[in-house]
C-alpha atoms as a PDB file:
ATOM      1  CA  MET A   1      73.059-133.052  84.453  1.00  0.00           C
ATOM      2  CA  ASN A   2      76.098-131.134  83.137  1.00  0.00           C
ATOM      3  CA  THR A   3      77.094-134.198  81.104  1.00  0.00           C
ATOM      4  CA  SER A   4      73.685-134.349  79.446  1.00  0.00           C
ATOM      5  CA  ARG A   5      73.733-130.629  78.686  1.00  0.00           C
ATOM      6  CA  ARG A   6      77.234-130.902  77.204  1.00  0.00           C
ATOM      7  CA  ALA A   7      76.123-133.829  75.010  1.00  0.00           C
ATOM      8  CA  ILE A   8      73.141-131.844  73.755  1.00  0.00           C
ATOM      9  CA  GLN A   9      75.412-128.875  72.998  1.00  0.00           C
ATOM     10  CA  ASN A  10      77.816-131.124  71.057  1.00  0.00           C
ATOM     11  CA  ILE A  11      74.969-132.546  69.004  1.00  0.00           C
ATOM     12  CA  TYR A  12      73.633-129.039  68.335  1.00  0.00           C
ATOM     13  CA  SER A  13      77.105-127.838  67.258  1.00  0.00           C
ATOM     14  CA  ALA A  14      77.541-130.814  64.926  1.00  0.00           C
ATOM     15  CA  TRP A  15      74.174-130.150  63.272  1.00  0.00           C
ATOM     16  CA  THR A  16      75.027-126.448  62.923  1.00  0.00           C
ATOM     17  CA  VAL A  17      78.332-127.227  61.185  1.00  0.00           C
ATOM     18  CA  ALA A  18      76.658-129.746  58.892  1.00  0.00           C
ATOM     19  CA  LEU A  19      73.933-127.245  57.992  1.00  0.00           C
ATOM     20  CA  VAL A  20      76.471-124.502  57.183  1.00  0.00           C
ATOM     21  CA  LEU A  21      78.531-126.881  55.044  1.00  0.00           C
ATOM     22  CA  ALA A  22      75.406-127.986  53.204  1.00  0.00           C
ATOM     23  CA  LEU A  23      74.461-124.377  52.478  1.00  0.00           C
ATOM     24  CA  VAL A  24      77.978-123.573  51.271  1.00  0.00           C
ATOM     25  CA  VAL A  25      77.946-126.559  48.924  1.00  0.00           C
ATOM     26  CA  ALA A  26      74.414-125.857  47.723  1.00  0.00           C
ATOM     27  CA  VAL A  27      74.835-122.147  46.976  1.00  0.00           C
ATOM     28  CA  PRO A  28      76.254-121.754  43.447  1.00  0.00           C
ATOM     29  CA  THR A  29      78.998-119.313  42.589  1.00  0.00           C
ATOM     30  CA  THR A  30      78.302-116.205  40.520  1.00  0.00           C
ATOM     31  CA  ALA A  31      79.778-117.959  37.464  1.00  0.00           C
ATOM     32  CA  GLN A  32      77.545-120.983  38.040  1.00  0.00           C
ATOM     33  CA  LEU A  33      74.498-118.748  38.404  1.00  0.00           C
ATOM     34  CA  ARG A  34      75.340-116.927  35.164  1.00  0.00           C
ATOM     35  CA  LYS A  35      75.814-120.204  33.298  1.00  0.00           C
ATOM     36  CA  SER A  36      72.512-121.504  34.678  1.00  0.00           C
ATOM     37  CA  ILE A  37      70.677-118.357  33.621  1.00  0.00           C
ATOM     38  CA  ILE A  38      72.226-118.428  30.146  1.00  0.00           C
ATOM     39  CA  THR A  39      71.467-122.099  29.640  1.00  0.00           C
ATOM     40  CA  PHE A  40      68.066-122.450  31.258  1.00  0.00           C
ATOM     41  CA  GLY A  41      66.645-118.970  31.795  1.00  0.00           C
ATOM     42  CA  HIS A  42      65.764-118.055  28.210  1.00  0.00           C
ATOM     43  CA  PRO A  43      62.194-118.413  26.922  1.00  0.00           C
ATOM     44  CA  GLN A  44      61.602-121.198  24.426  1.00  0.00           C
ATOM     45  CA  VAL A  45      59.177-121.733  21.565  1.00  0.00           C
ATOM     46  CA  PRO A  46      58.168-125.053  19.915  1.00  0.00           C
ATOM     47  CA  VAL A  47      58.981-124.962  16.198  1.00  0.00           C
ATOM     48  CA  THR A  48      58.962-127.423  13.318  1.00  0.00           C
ATOM     49  CA  ILE A  49      62.378-127.774  11.711  1.00  0.00           C
ATOM     50  CA  GLN A  50      62.563-129.139   8.177  1.00  0.00           C
ATOM     51  CA  HIS A  51      65.492-131.361   7.217  1.00  0.00           C
ATOM     52  CA  PRO A  52      66.497-132.345   3.687  1.00  0.00           C
ATOM     53  CA  ALA A  53      67.230-135.937   2.768  1.00  0.00           C
ATOM     54  CA  ALA A  54      70.850-136.807   3.481  1.00  0.00           C
ATOM     55  CA  LYS A  55      71.181-138.667   0.172  1.00  0.00           C
ATOM     56  CA  PRO A  56      68.262-137.789  -2.143  1.00  0.00           C
ATOM     57  CA  LEU A  57      67.504-140.324  -4.857  1.00  0.00           C
ATOM     58  CA  ASN A  58      66.303-139.356  -8.306  1.00  0.00           C
ATOM     59  CA  LEU A  59      63.160-141.483  -8.449  1.00  0.00           C
ATOM     60  CA  ALA A  60      61.526-139.647 -11.349  1.00  0.00           C
ATOM     61  CA  GLY A  61      60.088-142.227 -13.740  1.00  0.00           C
ATOM     62  CA  LYS A  62      61.676-145.096 -11.834  1.00  0.00           C
ATOM     63  CA  ARG A  63      60.514-147.893  -9.619  1.00  0.00           C
ATOM     64  CA  LEU A  64      62.124-149.233  -6.488  1.00  0.00           C
ATOM     65  CA  ALA A  65      62.934-152.862  -5.770  1.00  0.00           C
ATOM     66  CA  PHE A  66      64.134-154.349  -2.491  1.00  0.00           C
ATOM     67  CA  ASN A  67      66.301-157.334  -1.745  1.00  0.00           C
ATOM     68  CA  VAL A  68      66.837-157.987   1.973  1.00  0.00           C
ATOM     69  CA  THR A  69      69.014-160.893   3.037  1.00  0.00           C
ATOM     70  CA  GLY A  70      70.016-162.267   6.420  1.00  0.00           C
ATOM     71  CA  GLY A  71      68.477-164.252   9.232  1.00  0.00           C
ATOM     72  CA  THR A  72      66.626-162.789  12.202  1.00  0.00           C
ATOM     73  CA  CYS A  73      64.869-159.476  11.472  1.00  0.00           C
ATOM     74  CA  ALA A  74      65.446-159.610   7.691  1.00  0.00           C
ATOM     75  CA  SER A  75      61.862-160.205   6.580  1.00  0.00           C
ATOM     76  CA  GLU A  76      60.436-157.853   9.221  1.00  0.00           C
ATOM     77  CA  LEU A  77      62.906-155.150   8.196  1.00  0.00           C
ATOM     78  CA  GLU A  78      61.990-155.560   4.538  1.00  0.00           C
ATOM     79  CA  ASP A  79      58.286-155.263   5.290  1.00  0.00           C
ATOM     80  CA  GLN A  80      58.806-152.039   7.228  1.00  0.00           C
ATOM     81  CA  ILE A  81      61.089-150.494   4.591  1.00  0.00           C
ATOM     82  CA  ASN A  82      58.629-151.425   1.843  1.00  0.00           C
ATOM     83  CA  SER A  83      55.803-149.821   3.787  1.00  0.00           C
ATOM     84  CA  THR A  84      57.824-146.654   4.444  1.00  0.00           C
ATOM     85  CA  PHE A  85      58.687-146.114   0.778  1.00  0.00           C
ATOM     86  CA  GLY A  86      55.196-147.066  -0.317  1.00  0.00           C
ATOM     87  CA  ASN A  87      53.715-144.423   1.994  1.00  0.00           C
ATOM     88  CA  LYS A  88      55.945-141.869   0.254  1.00  0.00           C
ATOM     89  CA  GLY A  89      54.260-142.661  -3.057  1.00  0.00           C
ATOM     90  CA  VAL A  90      57.155-144.663  -4.506  1.00  0.00           C
ATOM     91  CA  ASN A  91      56.274-147.344  -7.064  1.00  0.00           C
ATOM     92  CA  ILE A  92      57.616-150.594  -5.598  1.00  0.00           C
ATOM     93  CA  VAL A  93      58.249-153.770  -7.581  1.00  0.00           C
ATOM     94  CA  ASP A  94      56.564-156.920  -6.248  1.00  0.00           C
ATOM     95  CA  ARG A  95      59.030-159.012  -4.224  1.00  0.00           C
ATOM     96  CA  GLY A  96      57.986-162.304  -5.809  1.00  0.00           C
ATOM     97  CA  HIS A  97      58.734-160.936  -9.268  1.00  0.00           C
ATOM     98  CA  ILE A  98      62.144-159.749  -8.111  1.00  0.00           C
ATOM     99  CA  ASP A  99      63.048-163.135  -6.608  1.00  0.00           C
ATOM    100  CA  ASP A 100      62.195-164.936  -9.843  1.00  0.00           C
ATOM    101  CA  ILE A 101      64.372-162.612 -11.917  1.00  0.00           C
ATOM    102  CA  LEU A 102      67.285-162.763  -9.468  1.00  0.00           C
ATOM    103  CA  ARG A 103      67.211-166.550  -9.567  1.00  0.00           C
ATOM    104  CA  GLU A 104      67.069-166.571 -13.367  1.00  0.00           C
ATOM    105  CA  GLN A 105      70.081-164.283 -13.547  1.00  0.00           C
ATOM    106  CA  ASN A 106      71.929-166.140 -10.776  1.00  0.00           C
ATOM    107  CA  PHE A 107      72.427-162.785  -9.110  1.00  0.00           C
ATOM    108  CA  GLN A 108      74.272-162.736  -5.787  1.00  0.00           C
ATOM    109  CA  ALA A 109      73.951-159.579  -3.706  1.00  0.00           C
ATOM    110  CA  GLY A 110      77.468-159.585  -2.336  1.00  0.00           C
ATOM    111  CA  SER A 111      79.704-156.685  -1.456  1.00  0.00           C
ATOM    112  CA  ASP A 112      80.483-156.141  -5.141  1.00  0.00           C
ATOM    113  CA  VAL A 113      77.745-155.758  -7.721  1.00  0.00           C
ATOM    114  CA  ASP A 114      78.397-157.090 -11.210  1.00  0.00           C
ATOM    115  CA  PRO A 115      77.354-154.146 -13.418  1.00  0.00           C
ATOM    116  CA  SER A 116      76.571-156.364 -16.409  1.00  0.00           C
ATOM    117  CA  LYS A 117      74.188-158.529 -14.389  1.00  0.00           C
ATOM    118  CA  ALA A 118      72.616-155.474 -12.789  1.00  0.00           C
ATOM    119  CA  VAL A 119      71.929-154.003 -16.234  1.00  0.00           C
ATOM    120  CA  ALA A 120      70.520-157.348 -17.429  1.00  0.00           C
ATOM    121  CA  ILE A 121      68.077-157.324 -14.501  1.00  0.00           C
ATOM    122  CA  GLY A 122      67.243-153.715 -15.301  1.00  0.00           C
ATOM    123  CA  ARG A 123      66.239-154.685 -18.836  1.00  0.00           C
ATOM    124  CA  LEU A 124      63.726-157.129 -17.396  1.00  0.00           C
ATOM    125  CA  LEU A 125      62.395-154.801 -14.689  1.00  0.00           C
ATOM    126  CA  GLY A 126      62.539-151.517 -16.564  1.00  0.00           C
ATOM    127  CA  PRO A 127      63.952-148.290 -15.025  1.00  0.00           C
ATOM    128  CA  THR A 128      64.502-149.424 -11.459  1.00  0.00           C
ATOM    129  CA  LEU A 129      66.656-148.710  -8.441  1.00  0.00           C
ATOM    130  CA  MET A 130      67.487-151.815  -6.431  1.00  0.00           C
ATOM    131  CA  VAL A 131      67.959-151.433  -2.677  1.00  0.00           C
ATOM    132  CA  PHE A 132      69.998-154.248  -1.172  1.00  0.00           C
ATOM    133  CA  VAL A 133      69.875-154.643   2.608  1.00  0.00           C
ATOM    134  CA  GLY A 134      72.087-157.245   4.239  1.00  0.00           C
ATOM    135  CA  VAL A 135      71.380-158.022   7.896  1.00  0.00           C
ATOM    136  CA  THR A 136      74.522-159.353   9.534  1.00  0.00           C
ATOM    137  CA  ARG A 137      73.368-159.396  13.180  1.00  0.00           C
ATOM    138  CA  CYS A 138      70.049-158.881  14.928  1.00  0.00           C
ATOM    139  CA  TYR A 139      69.789-160.109  18.491  1.00  0.00           C
ATOM    140  CA  THR A 140      68.893-159.415  22.103  1.00  0.00           C
ATOM    141  CA  ASP A 141      71.220-159.701  25.060  1.00  0.00           C
ATOM    142  CA  PRO A 142      70.181-161.943  27.951  1.00  0.00           C
ATOM    143  CA  PRO A 143      68.077-159.852  30.371  1.00  0.00           C
ATOM    144  CA  LYS A 144      70.260-158.012  32.894  1.00  0.00           C
ATOM    145  CA  ARG A 145      69.513-157.680  36.588  1.00  0.00           C
ATOM    146  CA  LEU A 146      70.841-154.599  38.345  1.00  0.00           C
ATOM    147  CA  VAL A 147      70.554-153.082  41.815  1.00  0.00           C
ATOM    148  CA  GLN A 148      70.458-149.322  42.289  1.00  0.00           C
ATOM    149  CA  GLN A 149      71.461-148.230  45.774  1.00  0.00           C
ATOM    150  CA  ASN A 150      69.479-145.180  46.883  1.00  0.00           C
ATOM    151  CA  ILE A 151      70.618-142.535  49.383  1.00  0.00           C
ATOM    152  CA  ILE A 152      67.250-142.710  51.111  1.00  0.00           C
ATOM    153  CA  GLY A 153      65.055-145.774  51.242  1.00  0.00           C
ATOM    154  CA  PRO A 154      65.523-149.338  50.037  1.00  0.00           C
ATOM    155  CA  PRO A 155      67.433-150.241  46.863  1.00  0.00           C
ATOM    156  CA  THR A 156      65.716-150.382  43.477  1.00  0.00           C
ATOM    157  CA  TYR A 157      65.773-153.661  41.566  1.00  0.00           C
ATOM    158  CA  ILE A 158      66.057-153.279  37.783  1.00  0.00           C
ATOM    159  CA  SER A 159      65.503-155.729  34.934  1.00  0.00           C
ATOM    160  CA  LYS A 160      66.895-154.557  31.588  1.00  0.00           C
ATOM    161  CA  THR A 161      66.539-155.819  28.017  1.00  0.00           C
ATOM    162  CA  GLU A 162      68.780-154.703  25.139  1.00  0.00           C
ATOM    163  CA  ALA A 163      68.566-155.380  21.399  1.00  0.00           C
ATOM    164  CA  HIS A 164      71.009-154.676  18.572  1.00  0.00           C
ATOM    165  CA  LEU A 165      70.857-154.633  14.788  1.00  0.00           C
ATOM    166  CA  ARG A 166      73.774-154.454  12.365  1.00  0.00           C
ATOM    167  CA  ALA A 167      73.138-154.279   8.637  1.00  0.00           C
ATOM    168  CA  SER A 168      74.373-152.668   5.437  1.00  0.00           C
ATOM    169  CA  LEU A 169      72.463-150.892   2.704  1.00  0.00           C
ATOM    170  CA  ARG A 170      73.363-150.467  -0.969  1.00  0.00           C
ATOM    171  CA  VAL A 171      71.435-148.777  -3.791  1.00  0.00           C
ATOM    172  CA  VAL A 172      72.135-149.763  -7.408  1.00  0.00           C
ATOM    173  CA  ASP A 173      70.772-148.128 -10.555  1.00  0.00           C
ATOM    174  CA  LEU A 174      69.780-151.120 -12.691  1.00  0.00           C
ATOM    175  CA  SER A 175      69.822-148.981 -15.835  1.00  0.00           C
ATOM    176  CA  THR A 176      73.567-148.408 -15.565  1.00  0.00           C
ATOM    177  CA  GLY A 177      74.760-150.854 -12.920  1.00  0.00           C
ATOM    178  CA  ARG A 178      76.154-147.908 -10.936  1.00  0.00           C
ATOM    179  CA  VAL A 179      76.172-148.094  -7.151  1.00  0.00           C
ATOM    180  CA  LEU A 180      74.503-144.877  -5.974  1.00  0.00           C
ATOM    181  CA  ASP A 181      74.875-145.298  -2.249  1.00  0.00           C
ATOM    182  CA  THR A 182      76.310-147.526   0.460  1.00  0.00           C
ATOM    183  CA  GLN A 183      75.510-147.053   4.115  1.00  0.00           C
ATOM    184  CA  PRO A 184      75.798-149.063   7.356  1.00  0.00           C
ATOM    185  CA  LEU A 185      72.634-149.454   9.403  1.00  0.00           C
ATOM    186  CA  ASN A 186      73.326-149.720  13.129  1.00  0.00           C
ATOM    187  CA  ALA A 187      70.553-149.547  15.688  1.00  0.00           C
ATOM    188  CA  ASP A 188      70.356-150.274  19.409  1.00  0.00           C
ATOM    189  CA  SER A 189      67.470-150.281  21.850  1.00  0.00           C
ATOM    190  CA  ALA A 190      67.186-150.717  25.606  1.00  0.00           C
ATOM    191  CA  ASP A 191      64.328-150.671  28.076  1.00  0.00           C
ATOM    192  CA  GLN A 192      64.015-151.521  31.740  1.00  0.00           C
ATOM    193  CA  THR A 193      61.527-152.106  34.513  1.00  0.00           C
ATOM    194  CA  SER A 194      62.101-151.392  38.206  1.00  0.00           C
ATOM    195  CA  ASP A 195      60.627-152.361  41.553  1.00  0.00           C
ATOM    196  CA  PRO A 196      61.715-151.661  45.159  1.00  0.00           C
ATOM    197  CA  ASN A 197      60.488-155.062  46.316  1.00  0.00           C
ATOM    198  CA  GLY A 198      62.456-157.346  43.994  1.00  0.00           C
ATOM    199  CA  TYR A 199      63.372-157.985  40.386  1.00  0.00           C
ATOM    200  CA  PRO A 200      60.394-157.349  38.063  1.00  0.00           C
ATOM    201  CA  GLU A 201      59.774-159.079  34.763  1.00  0.00           C
ATOM    202  CA  ALA A 202      62.138-157.758  32.093  1.00  0.00           C
ATOM    203  CA  PRO A 203      60.764-155.898  29.034  1.00  0.00           C
ATOM    204  CA  SER A 204      59.816-158.100  26.107  1.00  0.00           C
ATOM    205  CA  GLN A 205      62.669-159.140  23.826  1.00  0.00           C
ATOM    206  CA  ALA A 206      60.288-159.097  20.868  1.00  0.00           C
ATOM    207  CA  ASP A 207      59.377-155.472  21.625  1.00  0.00           C
ATOM    208  CA  GLU A 208      63.044-154.471  21.716  1.00  0.00           C
ATOM    209  CA  LEU A 209      63.731-156.219  18.400  1.00  0.00           C
ATOM    210  CA  ASP A 210      60.786-154.347  16.923  1.00  0.00           C
ATOM    211  CA  SER A 211      62.262-151.124  18.298  1.00  0.00           C
ATOM    212  CA  VAL A 212      65.667-151.607  16.625  1.00  0.00           C
ATOM    213  CA  GLU A 213      63.965-152.464  13.338  1.00  0.00           C
ATOM    214  CA  LYS A 214      61.978-149.205  13.491  1.00  0.00           C
ATOM    215  CA  LYS A 215      65.138-147.248  14.272  1.00  0.00           C
ATOM    216  CA  ALA A 216      66.900-148.783  11.256  1.00  0.00           C
ATOM    217  CA  VAL A 217      63.930-147.961   9.026  1.00  0.00           C
ATOM    218  CA  ALA A 218      63.963-144.369  10.324  1.00  0.00           C
ATOM    219  CA  GLN A 219      67.621-144.117   9.288  1.00  0.00           C
ATOM    220  CA  VAL A 220      66.719-145.255   5.774  1.00  0.00           C
ATOM    221  CA  GLU A 221      63.775-142.848   5.573  1.00  0.00           C
ATOM    222  CA  ARG A 222      65.810-139.841   6.716  1.00  0.00           C
ATOM    223  CA  ARG A 223      68.585-140.707   4.310  1.00  0.00           C
ATOM    224  CA  TYR A 224      66.389-140.665   1.211  1.00  0.00           C
ATOM    225  CA  PHE A 225      63.432-138.428   2.087  1.00  0.00           C
ATOM    226  CA  PRO A 226      63.022-134.973   3.644  1.00  0.00           C
ATOM    227  CA  TRP A 227      61.808-135.106   7.222  1.00  0.00           C
ATOM    228  CA  SER A 228      60.794-132.757  10.014  1.00  0.00           C
ATOM    229  CA  GLU A 229      61.024-132.653  13.777  1.00  0.00           C
ATOM    230  CA  GLN A 230      59.503-130.669  16.626  1.00  0.00           C
ATOM    231  CA  ARG A 231      62.098-128.849  18.699  1.00  0.00           C
ATOM    232  CA  MET A 232      62.099-126.288  21.485  1.00  0.00           C
ATOM    233  CA  VAL A 233      64.088-123.251  20.329  1.00  0.00           C
ATOM    234  CA  THR A 234      65.363-120.479  22.573  1.00  0.00           C
ATOM    235  CA  PHE A 235      63.892-117.145  21.461  1.00  0.00           C
ATOM    236  CA  MET A 236      64.246-113.816  23.289  1.00  0.00           C
ATOM    237  CA  ASN A 237      60.995-112.055  24.221  1.00  0.00           C
ATOM    238  CA  GLY A 238      61.920-108.839  26.032  1.00  0.00           C
ATOM    239  CA  LYS A 239      59.745-105.752  25.791  1.00  0.00           C
ATOM    240  CA  GLU A 240      62.484-103.798  24.044  1.00  0.00           C
ATOM    241  CA  CYS A 241      63.193-103.636  20.312  1.00  0.00           C
ATOM    242  CA  ASN A 242      60.081-105.467  19.121  1.00  0.00           C
ATOM    243  CA  LEU A 243      61.297-108.744  20.638  1.00  0.00           C
ATOM    244  CA  ARG A 244      57.972-109.609  22.266  1.00  0.00           C
ATOM    245  CA  GLN A 245      56.077-109.147  18.986  1.00  0.00           C
ATOM    246  CA  ALA A 246      58.469-111.438  17.094  1.00  0.00           C
ATOM    247  CA  TYR A 247      58.203-114.019  19.890  1.00  0.00           C
ATOM    248  CA  ASN A 248      54.386-114.028  19.806  1.00  0.00           C
ATOM    249  CA  LEU A 249      54.349-114.326  16.000  1.00  0.00           C
ATOM    250  CA  LEU A 250      56.741-117.280  16.086  1.00  0.00           C
ATOM    251  CA  LYS A 251      54.678-118.887  18.840  1.00  0.00           C
ATOM    252  CA  ALA A 252      51.642-118.541  16.533  1.00  0.00           C
ATOM    253  CA  ASN A 253      53.674-120.247  13.758  1.00  0.00           C
ATOM    254  CA  ASP A 254      53.699-117.069  11.629  1.00  0.00           C
ATOM    255  CA  LEU A 255      57.266-117.493  10.376  1.00  0.00           C
ATOM    256  CA  ARG A 256      57.091-114.717   7.798  1.00  0.00           C
ATOM    257  CA  GLY A 257      55.685-112.246  10.323  1.00  0.00           C
ATOM    258  CA  ALA A 258      58.240-113.269  12.958  1.00  0.00           C
ATOM    259  CA  LEU A 259      61.079-112.779  10.477  1.00  0.00           C
ATOM    260  CA  GLN A 260      59.859-109.304   9.541  1.00  0.00           C
ATOM    261  CA  ALA A 261      59.386-108.344  13.196  1.00  0.00           C
ATOM    262  CA  SER A 262      62.908-109.617  13.988  1.00  0.00           C
ATOM    263  CA  GLN A 263      64.383-107.534  11.166  1.00  0.00           C
ATOM    264  CA  GLU A 264      62.536-104.469  12.462  1.00  0.00           C
ATOM    265  CA  GLY A 265      63.733-105.265  15.983  1.00  0.00           C
ATOM    266  CA  VAL A 266      67.388-105.148  14.941  1.00  0.00           C
ATOM    267  CA  GLU A 267      66.874-101.741  13.334  1.00  0.00           C
ATOM    268  CA  ALA A 268      65.066-100.456  16.437  1.00  0.00           C
ATOM    269  CA  CYS A 269      67.843-101.703  18.715  1.00  0.00           C
ATOM    270  CA  LYS A 270      70.631 -99.896  16.866  1.00  0.00           C
ATOM    271  CA  SER A 271      69.692 -96.704  18.721  1.00  0.00           C
ATOM    272  CA  ASP A 272      69.368 -98.536  22.058  1.00  0.00           C
ATOM    273  CA  PRO A 273      72.232 -97.659  24.422  1.00  0.00           C
ATOM    274  CA  LYS A 274      72.040-101.100  26.049  1.00  0.00           C
ATOM    275  CA  GLY A 275      74.037-103.538  23.927  1.00  0.00           C
ATOM    276  CA  ASN A 276      72.319-106.609  25.356  1.00  0.00           C
ATOM    277  CA  HIS A 277      69.051-105.712  23.688  1.00  0.00           C
ATOM    278  CA  GLU A 278      70.709-105.465  20.280  1.00  0.00           C
ATOM    279  CA  ALA A 279      72.445-108.787  20.932  1.00  0.00           C
ATOM    280  CA  ASP A 280      69.082-110.398  21.719  1.00  0.00           C
ATOM    281  CA  ALA A 281      67.489-108.901  18.601  1.00  0.00           C
ATOM    282  CA  LEU A 282      70.338-110.186  16.420  1.00  0.00           C
ATOM    283  CA  TYR A 283      70.019-113.614  18.012  1.00  0.00           C
ATOM    284  CA  ASP A 284      66.285-113.760  17.238  1.00  0.00           C
ATOM    285  CA  LEU A 285      66.959-112.644  13.662  1.00  0.00           C
ATOM    286  CA  GLY A 286      69.598-115.364  13.328  1.00  0.00           C
ATOM    287  CA  ILE A 287      67.078-117.969  14.504  1.00  0.00           C
ATOM    288  CA  MET A 288      64.480-116.765  11.985  1.00  0.00           C
ATOM    289  CA  TYR A 289      67.008-116.902   9.152  1.00  0.00           C
ATOM    290  CA  PHE A 290      67.934-120.414  10.307  1.00  0.00           C
ATOM    291  CA  LEU A 291      64.300-121.552  10.186  1.00  0.00           C
ATOM    292  CA  ALA A 292      64.006-120.020   6.705  1.00  0.00           C
ATOM    293  CA  GLY A 293      67.042-121.976   5.486  1.00  0.00           C
ATOM    294  CA  ARG A 294      69.121-118.800   5.012  1.00  0.00           C
ATOM    295  CA  TYR A 295      72.140-120.203   6.809  1.00  0.00           C
ATOM    296  CA  ASP A 296      74.764-117.622   5.773  1.00  0.00           C
ATOM    297  CA  ASP A 297      72.504-114.762   6.877  1.00  0.00           C
ATOM    298  CA  SER A 298      71.795-116.653  10.101  1.00  0.00           C
ATOM    299  CA  LEU A 299      75.476-117.104  10.922  1.00  0.00           C
ATOM    300  CA  LYS A 300      76.168-113.440  10.187  1.00  0.00           C
ATOM    301  CA  ALA A 301      73.481-112.292  12.647  1.00  0.00           C
ATOM    302  CA  LEU A 302      74.446-114.850  15.300  1.00  0.00           C
ATOM    303  CA  THR A 303      78.148-113.987  15.066  1.00  0.00           C
ATOM    304  CA  GLU A 304      77.369-110.300  15.611  1.00  0.00           C
ATOM    305  CA  SER A 305      75.111-111.203  18.553  1.00  0.00           C
ATOM    306  CA  GLN A 306      77.870-113.249  20.147  1.00  0.00           C
ATOM    307  CA  ARG A 307      80.339-110.391  19.637  1.00  0.00           C
ATOM    308  CA  LEU A 308      78.067-108.028  21.554  1.00  0.00           C
ATOM    309  CA  HIS A 309      77.186-110.452  24.349  1.00  0.00           C
ATOM    310  CA  ASN A 310      78.698-113.850  25.088  1.00  0.00           C
ATOM    311  CA  ASP A 311      75.894-116.408  25.450  1.00  0.00           C
ATOM    312  CA  SER A 312      75.862-120.204  25.296  1.00  0.00           C
ATOM    313  CA  ALA A 313      72.472-120.166  23.533  1.00  0.00           C
ATOM    314  CA  VAL A 314      74.055-118.223  20.658  1.00  0.00           C
ATOM    315  CA  LEU A 315      76.993-120.628  20.441  1.00  0.00           C
ATOM    316  CA  LYS A 316      74.632-123.605  20.255  1.00  0.00           C
ATOM    317  CA  ALA A 317      72.557-121.922  17.540  1.00  0.00           C
ATOM    318  CA  MET A 318      75.727-121.208  15.551  1.00  0.00           C
ATOM    319  CA  ALA A 319      76.805-124.847  15.775  1.00  0.00           C
ATOM    320  CA  ASP A 320      73.360-126.041  14.640  1.00  0.00           C
ATOM    321  CA  CYS A 321      73.402-123.562  11.763  1.00  0.00           C
ATOM    322  CA  ARG A 322      76.843-124.640  10.538  1.00  0.00           C
ATOM    323  CA  GLU A 323      75.754-128.284  10.647  1.00  0.00           C
ATOM    324  CA  ALA A 324      72.587-127.503   8.667  1.00  0.00           C
ATOM    325  CA  ARG A 325      74.525-125.449   6.128  1.00  0.00           C
ATOM    326  CA  ASP A 326      77.055-128.231   5.604  1.00  0.00           C
ATOM    327  CA  GLN A 327      74.274-130.775   5.191  1.00  0.00           C
ATOM    328  CA  ALA A 328      72.445-128.557   2.704  1.00  0.00           C
ATOM    329  CA  GLY A 329      75.647-128.247   0.656  1.00  0.00           C
ATOM    330  CA  THR A 330      76.120-132.007   0.674  1.00  0.00           C
ATOM    331  CA  VAL A 331      72.528-132.545  -0.423  1.00  0.00           C
ATOM    332  CA  ALA A 332      72.893-130.042  -3.283  1.00  0.00           C
ATOM    333  CA  ARG A 333      75.983-131.863  -4.540  1.00  0.00           C
ATOM    334  CA  GLU A 334      74.247-135.236  -4.258  1.00  0.00           C
ATOM    335  CA  GLU A 335      71.212-133.977  -6.166  1.00  0.00           C
ATOM    336  CA  ALA A 336      73.416-132.621  -8.934  1.00  0.00           C
ATOM    337  CA  ALA A 337      75.350-135.889  -9.152  1.00  0.00           C
ATOM    338  CA  ASN A 338      72.181-138.030  -9.241  1.00  0.00           C
ATOM    339  CA  THR A 339      70.290-135.939 -11.807  1.00  0.00           C
ATOM    340  CA  ASP A 340      70.082-137.760 -15.097  1.00  0.00           C
ATOM    341  CA  PRO A 341      71.415-135.717 -18.041  1.00  0.00           C
ATOM    342  CA  PRO A 342      68.853-134.739 -20.688  1.00  0.00           C
ATOM    343  CA  PRO A 343      68.616-136.978 -23.755  1.00  0.00           C
ATOM    344  CA  GLY A 344      71.381-136.270 -26.244  1.00  0.00           C
ATOM    345  CA  ALA A 345      73.527-134.413 -23.732  1.00  0.00           C
END
């Protein structure tokens, strides 16, 4: 009897120790709690962020011609690129016409473009930019079979398919023979299926090849055309300093109203004895300047917010703003370099 009771007590003690250890491990430290609150506790608003083209092309009065070479994926990639540019309203030269002229001129789209031959082709095609795409590799890996061991329950059996595309892109102005842009195109795609009862059928290799082609086309589109994306942006919405009004206006997609409310919020917070409210108001103003493309003003407001109150959300916004400002400067230089001088200049 005593032996049984002692065994029960030992089991109870072991469970008690395990429970205490689990609670100690699970309870975060004050620093961890603060980091969690800073990273995940802020309210967020969905916004549309506009991005400029990374390498804008001067297509005024010009047509676009494509020459895609390579094996697997080449023709499919050309079709998708053609469709993308066509949907942007670009005048595209018929591929059959291009092939005939390239054969007549014995033109080889190697790593170096002969300017004299490019100009000769340009005389036949008229003012045209030629986009050369060379596909060097486009393939799928053999399907992979993996086993994921789970803490609770049976293992999970996984079948995975991966695809890869490697290509290069070059844009030549056929009026001058000048190479306007060179860019590698690298895209990868992976998908998997899972089943606890055994290996399922792997995702289609054809679907993964289609996925890498679309990713490569998206790279081309974002390089030469402005694009936008939906993103969740942290935005303070406290009752103090007009923050809630600015938040509601931004949520309603009234960017001008939200900017004005944020500016008024900063002024209202200057008399607030609690520095955190002013820091939040400056952060919101920095975000509104960022969305308006006023990157220097945005960084000024965000830097002051960070000075008043250290916050990871502010640091992330500052990094995004610097990246956008640098990209905008690069785009401005590219546009100036690619703008044709006026006649007689």
